[in-house]
Amino acid sequence: MSERINSFQDLRVYHEACALDLAIFNATKSFPREEMFSLTDQVRRSSRSVGANISEAWAKRRYPAHFVSKLTCADGELQETRHWTGRAYDYIDQAALDDLNIKCAAIGRMLGKMMQSPEDFT
């Protein structure tokens, strides 16, 4: 029997998105100062938006189309995060990049399952 989900904070995907957000923040601390307002800011904002869009999706879960739309936004922000981490290859070692990509892929799969079966949440 699965646990009852009462809030977006009960969603595993939300917790994984927050963990990704924190991992990105920590990884970007060592980026060069010249990247502060471009790469660093962009990847931090996109990674933070994943969880924010999941929370917004939860608020719209009474309307399956809106729910899926906000999850799609979360996935879009996730893909943007993957783009920016890919551009950071000069600043993040390969093992850390691989770990971030694994986290992103797992979150993407969870979002995909939610979008395929919104009735489980609405």
PDB file of N, CA and C in Angstrom:
ATOM      1  N   MET A   1       0.849  -1.178   0.000  1.00  0.00           N
ATOM      2  CA  MET A   1       0.000   0.000   0.000  1.00  0.00           C
ATOM      3  C   MET A   1       0.892   1.238   0.000  1.00  0.00           C
ATOM      4  N   SER A   2       0.619   2.173  -0.885  1.00  0.00           N
ATOM      5  CA  SER A   2       1.436   3.374  -0.967  1.00  0.00           C
ATOM      6  C   SER A   2       0.938   4.436   0.008  1.00  0.00           C
ATOM      7  N   GLU A   3       1.854   5.329   0.357  1.00  0.00           N
ATOM      8  CA  GLU A   3       1.503   6.407   1.271  1.00  0.00           C
ATOM      9  C   GLU A   3       0.628   7.424   0.566  1.00  0.00           C
ATOM     10  N   ARG A   4      -0.224   8.056   1.335  1.00  0.00           N
ATOM     11  CA  ARG A   4      -1.091   9.099   0.800  1.00  0.00           C
ATOM     12  C   ARG A   4      -0.266  10.359   0.552  1.00  0.00           C
ATOM     13  N   ILE A   5      -0.511  10.987  -0.574  1.00  0.00           N
ATOM     14  CA  ILE A   5       0.176  12.221  -0.926  1.00  0.00           C
ATOM     15  C   ILE A   5      -0.782  13.373  -0.631  1.00  0.00           C
ATOM     16  N   ASN A   6      -0.405  14.190   0.341  1.00  0.00           N
ATOM     17  CA  ASN A   6      -1.248  15.307   0.749  1.00  0.00           C
ATOM     18  C   ASN A   6      -0.744  16.657   0.240  1.00  0.00           C
ATOM     19  N   SER A   7       0.477  16.685  -0.218  1.00  0.00           N
ATOM     20  CA  SER A   7       1.087  17.943  -0.626  1.00  0.00           C
ATOM     21  C   SER A   7       2.193  17.647  -1.634  1.00  0.00           C
ATOM     22  N   PHE A   8       2.573  18.670  -2.376  1.00  0.00           N
ATOM     23  CA  PHE A   8       3.700  18.495  -3.308  1.00  0.00           C
ATOM     24  C   PHE A   8       4.958  18.090  -2.558  1.00  0.00           C
ATOM     25  N   GLN A   9       5.034  18.448  -1.292  1.00  0.00           N
ATOM     26  CA  GLN A   9       6.204  18.106  -0.482  1.00  0.00           C
ATOM     27  C   GLN A   9       6.271  16.619  -0.167  1.00  0.00           C
ATOM     28  N   ASP A  10       5.192  15.892  -0.406  1.00  0.00           N
ATOM     29  CA  ASP A  10       5.175  14.441  -0.223  1.00  0.00           C
ATOM     30  C   ASP A  10       5.637  13.691  -1.474  1.00  0.00           C
ATOM     31  N   LEU A  11       5.784  14.405  -2.579  1.00  0.00           N
ATOM     32  CA  LEU A  11       6.176  13.770  -3.841  1.00  0.00           C
ATOM     33  C   LEU A  11       7.672  13.487  -3.868  1.00  0.00           C
ATOM     34  N   ARG A  12       8.028  12.272  -4.193  1.00  0.00           N
ATOM     35  CA  ARG A  12       9.446  11.907  -4.307  1.00  0.00           C
ATOM     36  C   ARG A  12      10.146  12.746  -5.366  1.00  0.00           C
ATOM     37  N   VAL A  13       9.472  13.021  -6.476  1.00  0.00           N
ATOM     38  CA  VAL A  13      10.068  13.812  -7.545  1.00  0.00           C
ATOM     39  C   VAL A  13      10.406  15.215  -7.055  1.00  0.00           C
ATOM     40  N   TYR A  14       9.590  15.758  -6.172  1.00  0.00           N
ATOM     41  CA  TYR A  14       9.881  17.085  -5.618  1.00  0.00           C
ATOM     42  C   TYR A  14      11.161  17.041  -4.785  1.00  0.00           C
ATOM     43  N   HIS A  15      11.310  16.005  -3.966  1.00  0.00           N
ATOM     44  CA  HIS A  15      12.523  15.867  -3.149  1.00  0.00           C
ATOM     45  C   HIS A  15      13.761  15.686  -4.018  1.00  0.00           C
ATOM     46  N   GLU A  16      13.618  14.916  -5.085  1.00  0.00           N
ATOM     47  CA  GLU A  16      14.737  14.720  -6.002  1.00  0.00           C
ATOM     48  C   GLU A  16      15.097  16.027  -6.710  1.00  0.00           C
ATOM     49  N   ALA A  17      14.087  16.813  -7.064  1.00  0.00           N
ATOM     50  CA  ALA A  17      14.337  18.108  -7.701  1.00  0.00           C
ATOM     51  C   ALA A  17      15.066  19.049  -6.742  1.00  0.00           C
ATOM     52  N   CYS A  18      14.688  19.032  -5.468  1.00  0.00           N
ATOM     53  CA  CYS A  18      15.370  19.870  -4.478  1.00  0.00           C
ATOM     54  C   CYS A  18      16.809  19.408  -4.276  1.00  0.00           C
ATOM     55  N   ALA A  19      17.039  18.111  -4.298  1.00  0.00           N
ATOM     56  CA  ALA A  19      18.399  17.586  -4.166  1.00  0.00           C
ATOM     57  C   ALA A  19      19.242  18.006  -5.373  1.00  0.00           C
ATOM     58  N   LEU A  20      18.650  17.989  -6.567  1.00  0.00           N
ATOM     59  CA  LEU A  20      19.353  18.445  -7.761  1.00  0.00           C
ATOM     60  C   LEU A  20      19.694  19.926  -7.634  1.00  0.00           C
ATOM     61  N   ASP A  21      18.747  20.708  -7.203  1.00  0.00           N
ATOM     62  CA  ASP A  21      18.936  22.142  -7.006  1.00  0.00           C
ATOM     63  C   ASP A  21      20.133  22.393  -6.086  1.00  0.00           C
ATOM     64  N   LEU A  22      20.199  21.676  -4.983  1.00  0.00           N
ATOM     65  CA  LEU A  22      21.302  21.834  -4.033  1.00  0.00           C
ATOM     66  C   LEU A  22      22.630  21.373  -4.640  1.00  0.00           C
ATOM     67  N   ALA A  23      22.607  20.268  -5.369  1.00  0.00           N
ATOM     68  CA  ALA A  23      23.830  19.770  -6.019  1.00  0.00           C
ATOM     69  C   ALA A  23      24.351  20.780  -7.039  1.00  0.00           C
ATOM     70  N   ILE A  24      23.446  21.386  -7.789  1.00  0.00           N
ATOM     71  CA  ILE A  24      23.830  22.408  -8.767  1.00  0.00           C
ATOM     72  C   ILE A  24      24.429  23.614  -8.042  1.00  0.00           C
ATOM     73  N   PHE A  25      23.780  24.042  -6.973  1.00  0.00           N
ATOM     74  CA  PHE A  25      24.287  25.189  -6.219  1.00  0.00           C
ATOM     75  C   PHE A  25      25.711  24.924  -5.737  1.00  0.00           C
ATOM     76  N   ASN A  26      25.926  23.759  -5.156  1.00  0.00           N
ATOM     77  CA  ASN A  26      27.258  23.430  -4.650  1.00  0.00           C
ATOM     78  C   ASN A  26      28.288  23.314  -5.773  1.00  0.00           C
ATOM     79  N   ALA A  27      27.883  22.733  -6.891  1.00  0.00           N
ATOM     80  CA  ALA A  27      28.810  22.571  -8.018  1.00  0.00           C
ATOM     81  C   ALA A  27      29.199  23.919  -8.622  1.00  0.00           C
ATOM     82  N   THR A  28      28.294  24.882  -8.572  1.00  0.00           N
ATOM     83  CA  THR A  28      28.565  26.172  -9.213  1.00  0.00           C
ATOM     84  C   THR A  28      29.324  27.145  -8.315  1.00  0.00           C
ATOM     85  N   LYS A  29      29.525  26.802  -7.071  1.00  0.00           N
ATOM     86  CA  LYS A  29      30.259  27.694  -6.160  1.00  0.00           C
ATOM     87  C   LYS A  29      31.672  27.977  -6.647  1.00  0.00           C
ATOM     88  N   SER A  30      32.250  27.030  -7.346  1.00  0.00           N
ATOM     89  CA  SER A  30      33.636  27.192  -7.802  1.00  0.00           C
ATOM     90  C   SER A  30      33.746  27.721  -9.234  1.00  0.00           C
ATOM     91  N   PHE A  31      32.624  28.044  -9.864  1.00  0.00           N
ATOM     92  CA  PHE A  31      32.685  28.574 -11.217  1.00  0.00           C
ATOM     93  C   PHE A  31      33.430  29.916 -11.210  1.00  0.00           C
ATOM     94  N   PRO A  32      34.070  30.254 -12.297  1.00  0.00           N
ATOM     95  CA  PRO A  32      34.799  31.528 -12.359  1.00  0.00           C
ATOM     96  C   PRO A  32      33.866  32.730 -12.214  1.00  0.00           C
ATOM     97  N   ARG A  33      34.411  33.781 -11.677  1.00  0.00           N
ATOM     98  CA  ARG A  33      33.646  35.012 -11.471  1.00  0.00           C
ATOM     99  C   ARG A  33      33.039  35.521 -12.788  1.00  0.00           C
ATOM    100  N   GLU A  34      33.760  35.324 -13.883  1.00  0.00           N
ATOM    101  CA  GLU A  34      33.268  35.782 -15.190  1.00  0.00           C
ATOM    102  C   GLU A  34      31.963  35.099 -15.591  1.00  0.00           C
ATOM    103  N   GLU A  35      31.698  33.934 -15.008  1.00  0.00           N
ATOM    104  CA  GLU A  35      30.480  33.182 -15.328  1.00  0.00           C
ATOM    105  C   GLU A  35      29.328  33.465 -14.357  1.00  0.00           C
ATOM    106  N   MET A  36      29.561  34.328 -13.365  1.00  0.00           N
ATOM    107  CA  MET A  36      28.568  34.559 -12.319  1.00  0.00           C
ATOM    108  C   MET A  36      27.195  34.956 -12.869  1.00  0.00           C
ATOM    109  N   PHE A  37      27.148  35.847 -13.836  1.00  0.00           N
ATOM    110  CA  PHE A  37      25.861  36.350 -14.308  1.00  0.00           C
ATOM    111  C   PHE A  37      25.388  35.682 -15.587  1.00  0.00           C
ATOM    112  N   SER A  38      26.126  34.728 -16.050  1.00  0.00           N
ATOM    113  CA  SER A  38      25.659  34.001 -17.226  1.00  0.00           C
ATOM    114  C   SER A  38      25.431  32.540 -16.857  1.00  0.00           C
ATOM    115  N   LEU A  39      26.422  31.733 -16.958  1.00  0.00           N
ATOM    116  CA  LEU A  39      26.258  30.295 -16.726  1.00  0.00           C
ATOM    117  C   LEU A  39      25.806  29.981 -15.302  1.00  0.00           C
ATOM    118  N   THR A  40      26.460  30.548 -14.304  1.00  0.00           N
ATOM    119  CA  THR A  40      26.124  30.229 -12.911  1.00  0.00           C
ATOM    120  C   THR A  40      24.676  30.582 -12.607  1.00  0.00           C
ATOM    121  N   ASP A  41      24.286  31.811 -12.939  1.00  0.00           N
ATOM    122  CA  ASP A  41      22.923  32.261 -12.659  1.00  0.00           C
ATOM    123  C   ASP A  41      21.896  31.447 -13.433  1.00  0.00           C
ATOM    124  N   GLN A  42      22.172  31.182 -14.691  1.00  0.00           N
ATOM    125  CA  GLN A  42      21.218  30.449 -15.531  1.00  0.00           C
ATOM    126  C   GLN A  42      20.963  29.039 -15.010  1.00  0.00           C
ATOM    127  N   VAL A  43      22.028  28.305 -14.706  1.00  0.00           N
ATOM    128  CA  VAL A  43      21.847  26.916 -14.275  1.00  0.00           C
ATOM    129  C   VAL A  43      21.205  26.858 -12.893  1.00  0.00           C
ATOM    130  N   ARG A  44      21.529  27.804 -12.033  1.00  0.00           N
ATOM    131  CA  ARG A  44      20.882  27.829 -10.718  1.00  0.00           C
ATOM    132  C   ARG A  44      19.394  28.128 -10.846  1.00  0.00           C
ATOM    133  N   ARG A  45      19.046  29.099 -11.687  1.00  0.00           N
ATOM    134  CA  ARG A  45      17.624  29.448 -11.828  1.00  0.00           C
ATOM    135  C   ARG A  45      16.822  28.324 -12.466  1.00  0.00           C
ATOM    136  N   SER A  46      17.366  27.706 -13.498  1.00  0.00           N
ATOM    137  CA  SER A  46      16.608  26.632 -14.151  1.00  0.00           C
ATOM    138  C   SER A  46      16.440  25.438 -13.216  1.00  0.00           C
ATOM    139  N   SER A  47      17.487  25.112 -12.456  1.00  0.00           N
ATOM    140  CA  SER A  47      17.365  23.956 -11.550  1.00  0.00           C
ATOM    141  C   SER A  47      16.361  24.236 -10.437  1.00  0.00           C
ATOM    142  N   ARG A  48      16.313  25.470  -9.952  1.00  0.00           N
ATOM    143  CA  ARG A  48      15.336  25.821  -8.913  1.00  0.00           C
ATOM    144  C   ARG A  48      13.912  25.815  -9.452  1.00  0.00           C
ATOM    145  N   SER A  49      13.763  26.094 -10.723  1.00  0.00           N
ATOM    146  CA  SER A  49      12.433  26.133 -11.330  1.00  0.00           C
ATOM    147  C   SER A  49      11.798  24.758 -11.466  1.00  0.00           C
ATOM    148  N   VAL A  50      12.590  23.720 -11.479  1.00  0.00           N
ATOM    149  CA  VAL A  50      12.021  22.368 -11.606  1.00  0.00           C
ATOM    150  C   VAL A  50      11.079  22.110 -10.425  1.00  0.00           C
ATOM    151  N   GLY A  51      11.573  22.260  -9.212  1.00  0.00           N
ATOM    152  CA  GLY A  51      10.753  22.041  -8.030  1.00  0.00           C
ATOM    153  C   GLY A  51       9.604  23.023  -7.935  1.00  0.00           C
ATOM    154  N   ALA A  52       9.842  24.280  -8.310  1.00  0.00           N
ATOM    155  CA  ALA A  52       8.789  25.295  -8.265  1.00  0.00           C
ATOM    156  C   ALA A  52       7.636  24.914  -9.194  1.00  0.00           C
ATOM    157  N   ASN A  53       7.965  24.412 -10.382  1.00  0.00           N
ATOM    158  CA  ASN A  53       6.909  24.014 -11.323  1.00  0.00           C
ATOM    159  C   ASN A  53       6.180  22.765 -10.857  1.00  0.00           C
ATOM    160  N   ILE A  54       6.861  21.880 -10.168  1.00  0.00           N
ATOM    161  CA  ILE A  54       6.190  20.705  -9.594  1.00  0.00           C
ATOM    162  C   ILE A  54       5.190  21.163  -8.539  1.00  0.00           C
ATOM    163  N   SER A  55       5.578  22.122  -7.714  1.00  0.00           N
ATOM    164  CA  SER A  55       4.653  22.615  -6.685  1.00  0.00           C
ATOM    165  C   SER A  55       3.455  23.318  -7.328  1.00  0.00           C
ATOM    166  N   GLU A  56       3.688  24.058  -8.402  1.00  0.00           N
ATOM    167  CA  GLU A  56       2.575  24.696  -9.112  1.00  0.00           C
ATOM    168  C   GLU A  56       1.667  23.655  -9.754  1.00  0.00           C
ATOM    169  N   ALA A  57       2.253  22.593 -10.295  1.00  0.00           N
ATOM    170  CA  ALA A  57       1.454  21.522 -10.890  1.00  0.00           C
ATOM    171  C   ALA A  57       0.529  20.921  -9.843  1.00  0.00           C
ATOM    172  N   TRP A  58       1.069  20.713  -8.653  1.00  0.00           N
ATOM    173  CA  TRP A  58       0.252  20.136  -7.583  1.00  0.00           C
ATOM    174  C   TRP A  58      -0.949  21.023  -7.291  1.00  0.00           C
ATOM    175  N   ALA A  59      -0.739  22.332  -7.282  1.00  0.00           N
ATOM    176  CA  ALA A  59      -1.834  23.269  -7.005  1.00  0.00           C
ATOM    177  C   ALA A  59      -2.912  23.222  -8.088  1.00  0.00           C
ATOM    178  N   LYS A  60      -2.554  22.775  -9.279  1.00  0.00           N
ATOM    179  CA  LYS A  60      -3.502  22.732 -10.401  1.00  0.00           C
ATOM    180  C   LYS A  60      -3.984  21.316 -10.707  1.00  0.00           C
ATOM    181  N   ARG A  61      -3.782  20.410  -9.771  1.00  0.00           N
ATOM    182  CA  ARG A  61      -4.065  18.996 -10.046  1.00  0.00           C
ATOM    183  C   ARG A  61      -5.542  18.693 -10.250  1.00  0.00           C
ATOM    184  N   ARG A  62      -6.429  19.582  -9.860  1.00  0.00           N
ATOM    185  CA  ARG A  62      -7.864  19.347 -10.092  1.00  0.00           C
ATOM    186  C   ARG A  62      -8.209  19.401 -11.582  1.00  0.00           C
ATOM    187  N   TYR A  63      -7.317  19.970 -12.346  1.00  0.00           N
ATOM    188  CA  TYR A  63      -7.509  20.131 -13.781  1.00  0.00           C
ATOM    189  C   TYR A  63      -6.372  19.394 -14.494  1.00  0.00           C
ATOM    190  N   PRO A  64      -6.624  18.177 -14.933  1.00  0.00           N
ATOM    191  CA  PRO A  64      -5.551  17.356 -15.504  1.00  0.00           C
ATOM    192  C   PRO A  64      -4.720  18.058 -16.580  1.00  0.00           C
ATOM    193  N   ALA A  65      -5.340  18.821 -17.458  1.00  0.00           N
ATOM    194  CA  ALA A  65      -4.580  19.492 -18.513  1.00  0.00           C
ATOM    195  C   ALA A  65      -3.622  20.536 -17.928  1.00  0.00           C
ATOM    196  N   HIS A  66      -4.074  21.255 -16.912  1.00  0.00           N
ATOM    197  CA  HIS A  66      -3.203  22.242 -16.259  1.00  0.00           C
ATOM    198  C   HIS A  66      -2.074  21.549 -15.503  1.00  0.00           C
ATOM    199  N   PHE A  67      -2.419  20.456 -14.852  1.00  0.00           N
ATOM    200  CA  PHE A  67      -1.435  19.662 -14.107  1.00  0.00           C
ATOM    201  C   PHE A  67      -0.315  19.206 -15.051  1.00  0.00           C
ATOM    202  N   VAL A  68      -0.696  18.621 -16.163  1.00  0.00           N
ATOM    203  CA  VAL A  68       0.282  18.133 -17.138  1.00  0.00           C
ATOM    204  C   VAL A  68       1.069  19.305 -17.729  1.00  0.00           C
ATOM    205  N   SER A  69       0.402  20.415 -17.975  1.00  0.00           N
ATOM    206  CA  SER A  69       1.077  21.589 -18.521  1.00  0.00           C
ATOM    207  C   SER A  69       2.188  22.069 -17.594  1.00  0.00           C
ATOM    208  N   LYS A  70       1.918  22.136 -16.296  1.00  0.00           N
ATOM    209  CA  LYS A  70       2.947  22.589 -15.349  1.00  0.00           C
ATOM    210  C   LYS A  70       4.045  21.547 -15.196  1.00  0.00           C
ATOM    211  N   LEU A  71       3.700  20.281 -15.278  1.00  0.00           N
ATOM    212  CA  LEU A  71       4.744  19.245 -15.252  1.00  0.00           C
ATOM    213  C   LEU A  71       5.617  19.348 -16.498  1.00  0.00           C
ATOM    214  N   THR A  72       5.013  19.715 -17.611  1.00  0.00           N
ATOM    215  CA  THR A  72       5.763  19.927 -18.842  1.00  0.00           C
ATOM    216  C   THR A  72       6.735  21.092 -18.666  1.00  0.00           C
ATOM    217  N   CYS A  73       6.294  22.133 -17.972  1.00  0.00           N
ATOM    218  CA  CYS A  73       7.192  23.259 -17.671  1.00  0.00           C
ATOM    219  C   CYS A  73       8.349  22.788 -16.794  1.00  0.00           C
ATOM    220  N   ALA A  74       8.056  21.951 -15.808  1.00  0.00           N
ATOM    221  CA  ALA A  74       9.113  21.413 -14.942  1.00  0.00           C
ATOM    222  C   ALA A  74      10.117  20.634 -15.783  1.00  0.00           C
ATOM    223  N   ASP A  75       9.616  19.823 -16.716  1.00  0.00           N
ATOM    224  CA  ASP A  75      10.507  19.051 -17.580  1.00  0.00           C
ATOM    225  C   ASP A  75      11.308  19.974 -18.486  1.00  0.00           C
ATOM    226  N   GLY A  76      10.701  21.045 -18.964  1.00  0.00           N
ATOM    227  CA  GLY A  76      11.431  22.017 -19.777  1.00  0.00           C
ATOM    228  C   GLY A  76      12.571  22.655 -19.004  1.00  0.00           C
ATOM    229  N   GLU A  77      12.316  23.018 -17.755  1.00  0.00           N
ATOM    230  CA  GLU A  77      13.368  23.591 -16.913  1.00  0.00           C
ATOM    231  C   GLU A  77      14.459  22.557 -16.632  1.00  0.00           C
ATOM    232  N   LEU A  78      14.054  21.315 -16.488  1.00  0.00           N
ATOM    233  CA  LEU A  78      15.021  20.235 -16.286  1.00  0.00           C
ATOM    234  C   LEU A  78      15.933  20.099 -17.505  1.00  0.00           C
ATOM    235  N   GLN A  79      15.345  20.162 -18.687  1.00  0.00           N
ATOM    236  CA  GLN A  79      16.140  20.062 -19.910  1.00  0.00           C
ATOM    237  C   GLN A  79      17.063  21.273 -20.063  1.00  0.00           C
ATOM    238  N   GLU A  80      16.576  22.451 -19.657  1.00  0.00           N
ATOM    239  CA  GLU A  80      17.438  23.632 -19.684  1.00  0.00           C
ATOM    240  C   GLU A  80      18.613  23.444 -18.725  1.00  0.00           C
ATOM    241  N   THR A  81      18.348  22.880 -17.555  1.00  0.00           N
ATOM    242  CA  THR A  81      19.412  22.598 -16.594  1.00  0.00           C
ATOM    243  C   THR A  81      20.442  21.662 -17.203  1.00  0.00           C
ATOM    244  N   ARG A  82      19.972  20.648 -17.905  1.00  0.00           N
ATOM    245  CA  ARG A  82      20.894  19.718 -18.565  1.00  0.00           C
ATOM    246  C   ARG A  82      21.740  20.436 -19.617  1.00  0.00           C
ATOM    247  N   HIS A  83      21.128  21.361 -20.321  1.00  0.00           N
ATOM    248  CA  HIS A  83      21.883  22.157 -21.294  1.00  0.00           C
ATOM    249  C   HIS A  83      23.007  22.922 -20.606  1.00  0.00           C
ATOM    250  N   TRP A  84      22.664  23.625 -19.539  1.00  0.00           N
ATOM    251  CA  TRP A  84      23.663  24.455 -18.854  1.00  0.00           C
ATOM    252  C   TRP A  84      24.741  23.610 -18.195  1.00  0.00           C
ATOM    253  N   THR A  85      24.383  22.486 -17.616  1.00  0.00           N
ATOM    254  CA  THR A  85      25.433  21.654 -17.020  1.00  0.00           C
ATOM    255  C   THR A  85      26.352  21.108 -18.116  1.00  0.00           C
ATOM    256  N   GLY A  86      25.798  20.826 -19.277  1.00  0.00           N
ATOM    257  CA  GLY A  86      26.618  20.388 -20.398  1.00  0.00           C
ATOM    258  C   GLY A  86      27.597  21.466 -20.853  1.00  0.00           C
ATOM    259  N   ARG A  87      27.188  22.715 -20.734  1.00  0.00           N
ATOM    260  CA  ARG A  87      28.057  23.833 -21.104  1.00  0.00           C
ATOM    261  C   ARG A  87      29.122  24.097 -20.042  1.00  0.00           C
ATOM    262  N   ALA A  88      28.973  23.485 -18.868  1.00  0.00           N
ATOM    263  CA  ALA A  88      29.895  23.721 -17.752  1.00  0.00           C
ATOM    264  C   ALA A  88      31.022  22.700 -17.702  1.00  0.00           C
ATOM    265  N   TYR A  89      31.241  21.974 -18.784  1.00  0.00           N
ATOM    266  CA  TYR A  89      32.245  20.907 -18.789  1.00  0.00           C
ATOM    267  C   TYR A  89      33.644  21.390 -18.409  1.00  0.00           C
ATOM    268  N   ASP A  90      33.931  22.675 -18.604  1.00  0.00           N
ATOM    269  CA  ASP A  90      35.246  23.201 -18.212  1.00  0.00           C
ATOM    270  C   ASP A  90      35.369  23.432 -16.706  1.00  0.00           C
ATOM    271  N   TYR A  91      34.252  23.442 -16.006  1.00  0.00           N
ATOM    272  CA  TYR A  91      34.248  23.821 -14.595  1.00  0.00           C
ATOM    273  C   TYR A  91      33.830  22.708 -13.643  1.00  0.00           C
ATOM    274  N   ILE A  92      33.260  21.646 -14.176  1.00  0.00           N
ATOM    275  CA  ILE A  92      32.804  20.521 -13.354  1.00  0.00           C
ATOM    276  C   ILE A  92      33.507  19.264 -13.863  1.00  0.00           C
ATOM    277  N   ASP A  93      34.045  18.473 -12.942  1.00  0.00           N
ATOM    278  CA  ASP A  93      34.734  17.252 -13.387  1.00  0.00           C
ATOM    279  C   ASP A  93      33.717  16.255 -13.938  1.00  0.00           C
ATOM    280  N   GLN A  94      34.198  15.320 -14.727  1.00  0.00           N
ATOM    281  CA  GLN A  94      33.327  14.387 -15.437  1.00  0.00           C
ATOM    282  C   GLN A  94      32.465  13.560 -14.493  1.00  0.00           C
ATOM    283  N   ALA A  95      33.007  13.124 -13.372  1.00  0.00           N
ATOM    284  CA  ALA A  95      32.222  12.321 -12.423  1.00  0.00           C
ATOM    285  C   ALA A  95      31.046  13.125 -11.876  1.00  0.00           C
ATOM    286  N   ALA A  96      31.271  14.393 -11.568  1.00  0.00           N
ATOM    287  CA  ALA A  96      30.186  15.245 -11.064  1.00  0.00           C
ATOM    288  C   ALA A  96      29.147  15.499 -12.151  1.00  0.00           C
ATOM    289  N   LEU A  97      29.607  15.712 -13.387  1.00  0.00           N
ATOM    290  CA  LEU A  97      28.670  15.888 -14.502  1.00  0.00           C
ATOM    291  C   LEU A  97      27.829  14.629 -14.709  1.00  0.00           C
ATOM    292  N   ASP A  98      28.477  13.473 -14.637  1.00  0.00           N
ATOM    293  CA  ASP A  98      27.746  12.214 -14.786  1.00  0.00           C
ATOM    294  C   ASP A  98      26.690  12.075 -13.702  1.00  0.00           C
ATOM    295  N   ASP A  99      27.036  12.435 -12.469  1.00  0.00           N
ATOM    296  CA  ASP A  99      26.088  12.363 -11.361  1.00  0.00           C
ATOM    297  C   ASP A  99      24.899  13.303 -11.584  1.00  0.00           C
ATOM    298  N   LEU A 100      25.170  14.518 -12.031  1.00  0.00           N
ATOM    299  CA  LEU A 100      24.081  15.460 -12.311  1.00  0.00           C
ATOM    300  C   LEU A 100      23.190  14.933 -13.430  1.00  0.00           C
ATOM    301  N   ASN A 101      23.794  14.343 -14.458  1.00  0.00           N
ATOM    302  CA  ASN A 101      23.000  13.784 -15.560  1.00  0.00           C
ATOM    303  C   ASN A 101      22.143  12.612 -15.104  1.00  0.00           C
ATOM    304  N   ILE A 102      22.663  11.792 -14.202  1.00  0.00           N
ATOM    305  CA  ILE A 102      21.893  10.676 -13.657  1.00  0.00           C
ATOM    306  C   ILE A 102      20.695  11.206 -12.868  1.00  0.00           C
ATOM    307  N   LYS A 103      20.937  12.237 -12.051  1.00  0.00           N
ATOM    308  CA  LYS A 103      19.843  12.855 -11.281  1.00  0.00           C
ATOM    309  C   LYS A 103      18.779  13.433 -12.222  1.00  0.00           C
ATOM    310  N   CYS A 104      19.229  14.137 -13.244  1.00  0.00           N
ATOM    311  CA  CYS A 104      18.289  14.726 -14.204  1.00  0.00           C
ATOM    312  C   CYS A 104      17.471  13.653 -14.916  1.00  0.00           C
ATOM    313  N   ALA A 105      18.124  12.588 -15.325  1.00  0.00           N
ATOM    314  CA  ALA A 105      17.417  11.513 -16.027  1.00  0.00           C
ATOM    315  C   ALA A 105      16.359  10.874 -15.130  1.00  0.00           C
ATOM    316  N   ALA A 106      16.686  10.662 -13.868  1.00  0.00           N
ATOM    317  CA  ALA A 106      15.726  10.057 -12.928  1.00  0.00           C
ATOM    318  C   ALA A 106      14.527  10.974 -12.726  1.00  0.00           C
ATOM    319  N   ILE A 107      14.772  12.258 -12.563  1.00  0.00           N
ATOM    320  CA  ILE A 107      13.674  13.215 -12.395  1.00  0.00           C
ATOM    321  C   ILE A 107      12.828  13.246 -13.657  1.00  0.00           C
ATOM    322  N   GLY A 108      13.468  13.232 -14.811  1.00  0.00           N
ATOM    323  CA  GLY A 108      12.735  13.224 -16.079  1.00  0.00           C
ATOM    324  C   GLY A 108      11.825  12.021 -16.218  1.00  0.00           C
ATOM    325  N   ARG A 109      12.314  10.856 -15.800  1.00  0.00           N
ATOM    326  CA  ARG A 109      11.475   9.646 -15.855  1.00  0.00           C
ATOM    327  C   ARG A 109      10.264   9.785 -14.929  1.00  0.00           C
ATOM    328  N   MET A 110      10.489  10.320 -13.725  1.00  0.00           N
ATOM    329  CA  MET A 110       9.373  10.493 -12.780  1.00  0.00           C
ATOM    330  C   MET A 110       8.342  11.477 -13.336  1.00  0.00           C
ATOM    331  N   LEU A 111       8.819  12.583 -13.892  1.00  0.00           N
ATOM    332  CA  LEU A 111       7.889  13.554 -14.485  1.00  0.00           C
ATOM    333  C   LEU A 111       7.124  12.920 -15.641  1.00  0.00           C
ATOM    334  N   GLY A 112       7.820  12.144 -16.455  1.00  0.00           N
ATOM    335  CA  GLY A 112       7.164  11.476 -17.582  1.00  0.00           C
ATOM    336  C   GLY A 112       6.048  10.546 -17.131  1.00  0.00           C
ATOM    337  N   LYS A 113       6.295   9.785 -16.074  1.00  0.00           N
ATOM    338  CA  LYS A 113       5.266   8.888 -15.547  1.00  0.00           C
ATOM    339  C   LYS A 113       4.077   9.667 -15.015  1.00  0.00           C
ATOM    340  N   MET A 114       4.350  10.781 -14.350  1.00  0.00           N
ATOM    341  CA  MET A 114       3.256  11.607 -13.837  1.00  0.00           C
ATOM    342  C   MET A 114       2.427  12.179 -14.977  1.00  0.00           C
ATOM    343  N   MET A 115       3.105  12.603 -16.065  1.00  0.00           N
ATOM    344  CA  MET A 115       2.384  13.170 -17.206  1.00  0.00           C
ATOM    345  C   MET A 115       1.575  12.106 -17.939  1.00  0.00           C
ATOM    346  N   GLN A 116       2.067  10.877 -17.947  1.00  0.00           N
ATOM    347  CA  GLN A 116       1.345   9.793 -18.612  1.00  0.00           C
ATOM    348  C   GLN A 116       0.123   9.350 -17.820  1.00  0.00           C
ATOM    349  N   SER A 117       0.153   9.517 -16.500  1.00  0.00           N
ATOM    350  CA  SER A 117      -0.952   9.070 -15.652  1.00  0.00           C
ATOM    351  C   SER A 117      -1.391  10.160 -14.686  1.00  0.00           C
ATOM    352  N   PRO A 118      -1.840  11.301 -15.195  1.00  0.00           N
ATOM    353  CA  PRO A 118      -2.225  12.397 -14.294  1.00  0.00           C
ATOM    354  C   PRO A 118      -3.380  12.029 -13.371  1.00  0.00           C
ATOM    355  N   GLU A 119      -4.194  11.072 -13.804  1.00  0.00           N
ATOM    356  CA  GLU A 119      -5.346  10.674 -12.982  1.00  0.00           C
ATOM    357  C   GLU A 119      -4.914  10.084 -11.642  1.00  0.00           C
ATOM    358  N   ASP A 120      -3.689   9.615 -11.532  1.00  0.00           N
ATOM    359  CA  ASP A 120      -3.191   9.111 -10.253  1.00  0.00           C
ATOM    360  C   ASP A 120      -2.981  10.239  -9.237  1.00  0.00           C
ATOM    361  N   PHE A 121      -2.967  11.486  -9.726  1.00  0.00           N
ATOM    362  CA  PHE A 121      -2.685  12.628  -8.864  1.00  0.00           C
ATOM    363  C   PHE A 121      -3.819  13.647  -8.831  1.00  0.00           C
ATOM    364  N   THR A 122      -4.735  13.559  -9.799  1.00  0.00           N
ATOM    365  CA  THR A 122      -5.798  14.571  -9.877  1.00  0.00           C
ATOM    366  C   THR A 122      -7.083  14.059  -9.281  1.00  0.00           C
TER     367      THR A 122
END
